[in-house]
Amino acid sequence: MKSKEFLNVFNENINLLQCPICKKKFSIISSQLKCQSGHSFDFAKEGYVNFVLHSVSTRYDKQLFQSRREIYKNDFFKPLKNNLLSEIVNLTKPNHKKFILDAGCGEGQLFIDILKDLKEKKYDVLGTGIDISKHGIKLAGKADKQNIWLVADFTNIPVKRNSIDIVLNILSPANYQEFNRVLKKDGYLIKVVPGSKYLQELRTLFKEEINLKDYSNENVIKLFSENINLLHKKRITEVIHLEDSIKNNIIRMTPLLWKLEDKNEKIKLLGNDYTLDLIILIGRPSK
């Protein structure tokens, strides 16, 4: 791929986007996104646009996303990918172009692979991945030039009203007001939340040090149902084996242990099997 090929993707789908400041249309002028009011945003060389207009303090750094990518490459999230792909195929038909937004895409590898698999099944899809972390979006933009990658705030998604067929929101905070706005009337929200046994090996080993309580997703599911018309939910529970060479990445990829300053001694006690326990919620916008 040529380094500027991502500009073609933005140009072909420019009507999907809107200025986060004034909500007006964009054009591409001299390698910039420029709206009708004159607000402009530069394209990064990696193939993304940064719409965040203020400094952001976040613990989601480059190391975390690189660790998450290593864990993903070793198939920890493969059951999730396969189930999400199946759900999307069941919800849609490959007869016209579909716009899919991943809100909280991180480094993007899961989303990239889902989009590739859909295209192999002859679906005409365009993915738009957004995340507040520039570190994650930069990795996504480097890895994929066929979709749109944006550093953006969930409270102000730079996408037009009623333009998205499916919003994915995977292990990430939600903004239901914005999700309802950007989704088409016949669109779907697919949200993934942890189950009670998700990474229970870490929770058990470090329970005393970080005072972890038993996890419950009841409030998260209740909030989803209050804002989205819940159609159904599905639980995925599997134990995944990770080799010694990459299992330390499971520590680095999760916010669970950020409060623990020195993990080295306890890390030696970790085994090789980890529980993937996730719940997929599927609903329609409440409009």
Protein backbone atom coordinates (compact mmCIF):
# COMPACT_ATOMS: atom_id res chain seq x y z
CA MET A 1 0.00 0.00 0.00
CA LYS A 2 1.18 3.48 -0.80
CA SER A 3 1.57 5.69 2.24
CA LYS A 4 -1.14 8.09 1.04
CA GLU A 5 -3.68 5.49 -0.07
CA PHE A 6 -5.69 6.07 3.10
CA LEU A 7 -6.56 9.50 1.66
CA ASN A 8 -8.60 7.74 -1.03
CA VAL A 9 -10.61 5.94 1.66
CA PHE A 10 -11.35 9.21 3.45
CA ASN A 11 -12.20 10.95 0.18
CA GLU A 12 -14.59 8.21 -0.97
CA ASN A 13 -16.41 8.30 2.37
CA ILE A 14 -16.11 11.97 3.23
CA ASN A 15 -19.91 12.34 3.57
CA LEU A 16 -19.82 10.03 6.59
CA LEU A 17 -17.89 12.56 8.67
CA GLN A 18 -18.80 15.89 10.24
CA CYS A 19 -16.76 18.57 11.96
CA PRO A 20 -16.70 18.02 15.73
CA ILE A 21 -16.75 21.79 16.28
CA CYS A 22 -19.53 23.06 14.00
CA LYS A 23 -21.03 19.78 12.67
CA LYS A 24 -20.60 20.87 9.04
CA LYS A 25 -19.35 18.87 6.07
CA PHE A 26 -15.70 18.15 5.34
CA SER A 27 -13.61 18.35 2.19
CA ILE A 28 -10.03 17.17 1.67
CA ILE A 29 -7.84 20.12 0.78
CA SER A 30 -4.04 19.89 0.63
CA SER A 31 -3.88 16.73 2.75
CA GLN A 32 -6.16 18.21 5.39
CA LEU A 33 -9.74 17.67 6.42
CA LYS A 34 -11.33 21.12 6.20
CA CYS A 35 -14.96 21.86 7.00
CA GLN A 36 -17.25 24.49 5.47
CA SER A 37 -16.55 26.80 8.41
CA GLY A 38 -12.79 26.55 7.91
CA HIS A 39 -11.88 24.24 10.78
CA SER A 40 -9.04 22.00 9.64
CA PHE A 41 -7.46 18.78 10.88
CA ASP A 42 -4.23 17.24 9.62
CA PHE A 43 -3.79 13.68 8.44
CA ALA A 44 -1.09 11.88 10.39
CA LYS A 45 1.42 9.98 8.29
CA GLU A 46 0.20 6.72 9.84
CA GLY A 47 -3.22 7.26 8.25
CA TYR A 48 -5.50 8.72 10.92
CA VAL A 49 -6.98 12.07 11.99
CA ASN A 50 -6.86 13.48 15.52
CA PHE A 51 -10.13 15.22 16.44
CA VAL A 52 -9.37 15.57 20.15
CA LEU A 53 -8.94 19.29 20.75
CA HIS A 54 -7.66 19.07 24.33
CA SER A 55 -4.88 17.19 26.09
CA VAL A 56 -5.90 13.79 27.41
CA SER A 57 -4.38 12.08 30.44
CA THR A 58 -4.73 8.32 30.11
CA ARG A 59 -3.00 5.17 31.31
CA TYR A 60 -3.79 3.50 27.99
CA ASP A 61 -0.26 3.83 26.64
CA LYS A 62 1.74 2.27 23.82
CA GLN A 63 2.94 -0.63 25.97
CA LEU A 64 -0.61 -1.57 26.95
CA PHE A 65 -1.78 -1.69 23.32
CA GLN A 66 1.29 -3.62 22.18
CA SER A 67 0.67 -6.16 24.96
CA ARG A 68 -2.98 -6.42 23.96
CA ARG A 69 -1.95 -7.05 20.36
CA GLU A 70 0.42 -9.84 21.47
CA ILE A 71 -2.35 -11.47 23.48
CA TYR A 72 -4.71 -11.13 20.52
CA LYS A 73 -2.18 -12.71 18.12
CA ASN A 74 -2.05 -15.72 20.45
CA ASP A 75 -5.81 -16.26 20.03
CA PHE A 76 -7.01 -15.17 23.46
CA PHE A 77 -9.82 -13.16 21.85
CA LYS A 78 -10.45 -15.57 18.96
CA PRO A 79 -13.73 -16.89 20.44
CA LEU A 80 -14.95 -13.31 20.74
CA LYS A 81 -13.98 -12.47 17.16
CA ASN A 82 -15.74 -15.55 15.81
CA ASN A 83 -18.90 -14.81 17.77
CA LEU A 84 -18.98 -11.14 16.76
CA LEU A 85 -18.49 -12.10 13.12
CA SER A 86 -21.35 -14.59 13.36
CA GLU A 87 -23.65 -12.00 14.97
CA ILE A 88 -22.89 -9.38 12.32
CA VAL A 89 -23.52 -11.86 9.51
CA ASN A 90 -26.84 -12.86 11.10
CA LEU A 91 -27.92 -9.23 11.46
CA THR A 92 -27.03 -8.02 7.98
CA LYS A 93 -27.12 -8.98 4.32
CA PRO A 94 -24.29 -8.45 1.83
CA ASN A 95 -26.49 -6.58 -0.64
CA HIS A 96 -25.37 -3.02 0.02
CA LYS A 97 -22.56 -1.18 1.74
CA LYS A 98 -22.44 -1.37 5.52
CA PHE A 99 -20.84 1.21 7.78
CA ILE A 100 -19.51 -0.21 11.04
CA LEU A 101 -18.17 1.97 13.85
CA ASP A 102 -15.94 0.54 16.60
CA ALA A 103 -16.22 2.91 19.56
CA GLY A 104 -13.16 2.21 21.68
CA CYS A 105 -11.22 0.20 19.11
CA GLY A 106 -7.85 0.52 20.88
CA GLU A 107 -5.07 -0.73 18.61
CA GLY A 108 -7.72 -2.03 16.20
CA GLN A 109 -6.56 -5.58 15.51
CA LEU A 110 -9.83 -7.29 16.48
CA PHE A 111 -11.81 -4.82 14.36
CA ILE A 112 -9.42 -5.13 11.41
CA ASP A 113 -9.77 -8.92 11.39
CA ILE A 114 -13.58 -8.79 11.63
CA LEU A 115 -13.67 -6.41 8.65
CA LYS A 116 -11.31 -8.65 6.64
CA ASP A 117 -13.47 -11.70 7.33
CA LEU A 118 -16.62 -9.83 6.30
CA LYS A 119 -14.99 -8.80 3.03
CA GLU A 120 -13.97 -12.41 2.40
CA LYS A 121 -17.66 -13.27 2.78
CA LYS A 122 -18.40 -10.68 0.04
CA TYR A 123 -19.72 -8.00 2.38
CA ASP A 124 -19.09 -4.43 1.24
CA VAL A 125 -18.08 -2.81 4.53
CA LEU A 126 -16.28 0.27 5.71
CA GLY A 127 -14.93 0.38 9.24
CA THR A 128 -14.48 3.53 11.29
CA GLY A 129 -12.42 2.98 14.43
CA ILE A 130 -12.38 5.64 17.14
CA ASP A 131 -10.52 5.82 20.42
CA ILE A 132 -9.48 8.59 22.80
CA SER A 133 -5.93 7.20 22.87
CA LYS A 134 -3.63 8.35 20.09
CA HIS A 135 -1.28 5.44 20.87
CA GLY A 136 -3.96 2.92 19.97
CA ILE A 137 -5.17 4.70 16.82
CA LYS A 138 -1.61 5.16 15.58
CA LEU A 139 -1.04 1.39 15.74
CA ALA A 140 -4.36 0.79 13.96
CA GLY A 141 -3.54 3.30 11.23
CA LYS A 142 -0.15 1.70 10.64
CA ALA A 143 -1.70 -1.75 10.35
CA ASP A 144 -4.63 -0.91 8.06
CA LYS A 145 -5.13 1.63 5.27
CA GLN A 146 -8.52 0.40 4.02
CA ASN A 147 -10.65 1.87 6.80
CA ILE A 148 -11.00 5.14 8.71
CA TRP A 149 -9.16 5.68 12.00
CA LEU A 150 -9.91 8.64 14.27
CA VAL A 151 -8.72 9.90 17.63
CA ALA A 152 -12.07 11.06 18.94
CA ASP A 153 -14.15 11.57 22.07
CA PHE A 154 -17.26 9.41 22.62
CA THR A 155 -19.13 12.51 23.77
CA ASN A 156 -18.63 14.09 20.34
CA ILE A 157 -18.31 11.43 17.65
CA PRO A 158 -17.36 13.16 14.35
CA VAL A 159 -19.86 11.12 12.33
CA LYS A 160 -23.19 12.25 10.89
CA ARG A 161 -26.56 11.40 12.37
CA ASN A 162 -28.21 8.14 11.24
CA SER A 163 -25.18 7.07 9.19
CA ILE A 164 -23.93 3.88 10.89
CA ASP A 165 -25.34 0.37 10.44
CA ILE A 166 -23.57 -1.22 13.41
CA VAL A 167 -21.78 0.26 16.41
CA LEU A 168 -19.37 -2.04 18.24
CA ASN A 169 -18.48 -1.16 21.83
CA ILE A 170 -16.11 -3.80 23.16
CA LEU A 171 -14.85 -3.76 26.77
CA SER A 172 -15.08 0.00 26.66
CA PRO A 173 -17.19 2.79 28.21
CA ALA A 174 -20.34 3.75 26.32
CA ASN A 175 -22.07 6.98 25.37
CA TYR A 176 -25.58 5.92 24.50
CA GLN A 177 -26.74 9.38 23.50
CA GLU A 178 -24.09 9.50 20.77
CA PHE A 179 -24.60 5.86 19.78
CA ASN A 180 -28.33 6.50 19.30
CA ARG A 181 -27.53 9.60 17.26
CA VAL A 182 -25.11 8.02 14.79
CA LEU A 183 -26.99 4.73 14.30
CA LYS A 184 -29.47 4.31 11.49
CA LYS A 185 -33.02 3.66 12.63
CA ASP A 186 -32.62 0.01 11.64
CA GLY A 187 -29.06 -0.20 12.96
CA TYR A 188 -27.65 -2.25 15.82
CA LEU A 189 -25.46 -1.69 18.85
CA ILE A 190 -23.27 -4.65 19.83
CA LYS A 191 -21.69 -4.14 23.24
CA VAL A 192 -19.30 -6.56 24.95
CA VAL A 193 -18.95 -6.53 28.74
CA PRO A 194 -16.91 -8.74 31.08
CA GLY A 195 -18.57 -11.70 32.74
CA SER A 196 -18.04 -12.47 36.42
CA LYS A 197 -15.22 -14.93 35.65
CA TYR A 198 -13.29 -12.73 33.20
CA LEU A 199 -9.56 -13.04 34.02
CA GLN A 200 -10.51 -14.56 37.36
CA GLU A 201 -6.95 -15.88 37.69
CA LEU A 202 -5.66 -12.32 38.09
CA ARG A 203 -8.50 -11.31 40.37
CA THR A 204 -7.85 -14.28 42.67
CA LEU A 205 -4.06 -13.97 42.83
CA PHE A 206 -4.00 -10.21 43.49
CA LYS A 207 -7.24 -9.88 45.44
CA GLU A 208 -5.61 -8.87 48.74
CA GLU A 209 -3.15 -6.36 47.25
CA ILE A 210 -5.71 -4.34 45.31
CA ASN A 211 -8.83 -5.08 47.36
CA LEU A 212 -10.77 -6.42 44.39
CA LYS A 213 -14.42 -7.13 45.02
CA ASP A 214 -16.42 -9.75 43.16
CA TYR A 215 -17.26 -8.28 39.77
CA SER A 216 -20.88 -7.80 38.72
CA ASN A 217 -22.06 -6.47 35.35
CA GLU A 218 -25.71 -6.07 36.41
CA ASN A 219 -25.57 -2.27 36.46
CA VAL A 220 -23.87 -2.15 33.05
CA ILE A 221 -26.52 -4.38 31.49
CA LYS A 222 -29.28 -2.38 33.19
CA LEU A 223 -27.90 0.88 31.80
CA PHE A 224 -27.73 -0.67 28.32
CA SER A 225 -31.38 -1.74 28.57
CA GLU A 226 -32.45 1.72 29.74
CA ASN A 227 -30.90 3.38 26.69
CA ILE A 228 -31.04 0.71 23.96
CA ASN A 229 -33.78 -1.71 22.97
CA LEU A 230 -32.11 -4.96 24.07
CA LEU A 231 -32.85 -7.80 21.63
CA HIS A 232 -30.73 -10.57 23.10
CA LYS A 233 -27.53 -11.39 24.93
CA LYS A 234 -25.01 -14.20 24.65
CA ARG A 235 -22.28 -15.39 27.00
CA ILE A 236 -18.88 -16.70 25.90
CA THR A 237 -16.83 -18.61 28.48
CA GLU A 238 -13.61 -20.42 27.59
CA VAL A 239 -10.27 -21.13 29.25
CA ILE A 240 -7.40 -20.08 26.97
CA HIS A 241 -3.84 -21.40 27.27
CA LEU A 242 -1.04 -18.85 26.92
CA GLU A 243 2.63 -19.76 26.51
CA ASP A 244 5.19 -18.54 29.07
CA SER A 245 6.79 -16.24 26.49
CA ILE A 246 3.73 -14.02 26.22
CA LYS A 247 1.68 -14.56 29.37
CA ASN A 248 3.18 -11.50 31.09
CA ASN A 249 1.37 -9.43 28.49
CA ILE A 250 -1.92 -10.37 30.16
CA ILE A 251 -0.75 -8.31 33.13
CA ARG A 252 0.18 -5.30 31.02
CA MET A 253 -2.94 -5.24 28.86
CA THR A 254 -5.54 -4.88 31.62
CA PRO A 255 -6.33 -1.92 33.89
CA LEU A 256 -7.11 -4.40 36.70
CA LEU A 257 -3.61 -4.11 38.20
CA TRP A 258 -2.75 -0.45 37.68
CA LYS A 259 -3.00 0.19 41.42
CA LEU A 260 -0.39 -2.45 42.20
CA GLU A 261 3.10 -0.96 42.20
CA ASP A 262 5.22 -4.13 42.41
CA LYS A 263 3.80 -7.23 40.77
CA ASN A 264 7.02 -9.10 40.01
CA GLU A 265 6.96 -11.69 42.79
CA LYS A 266 3.31 -12.61 42.35
CA ILE A 267 3.69 -12.78 38.56
CA LYS A 268 5.88 -15.86 39.05
CA LEU A 269 2.87 -17.63 40.54
CA LEU A 270 0.69 -17.13 37.48
CA GLY A 271 -0.14 -20.20 35.43
CA ASN A 272 -0.77 -20.50 31.71
CA ASP A 273 -4.56 -20.79 31.61
CA TYR A 274 -6.83 -17.72 31.67
CA THR A 275 -10.59 -17.38 31.60
CA LEU A 276 -12.26 -15.49 28.79
CA ASP A 277 -15.75 -14.72 30.07
CA LEU A 278 -17.68 -12.13 28.08
CA ILE A 279 -21.29 -11.17 27.46
CA ILE A 280 -22.43 -9.85 24.08
CA LEU A 281 -25.42 -7.48 24.23
CA ILE A 282 -27.27 -6.70 21.00
CA GLY A 283 -29.89 -4.00 20.66
CA ARG A 284 -31.48 -1.40 18.43
CA PRO A 285 -31.34 2.37 18.92
CA SER A 286 -34.10 3.82 21.06
CA LYS A 287 -35.45 6.55 18.78
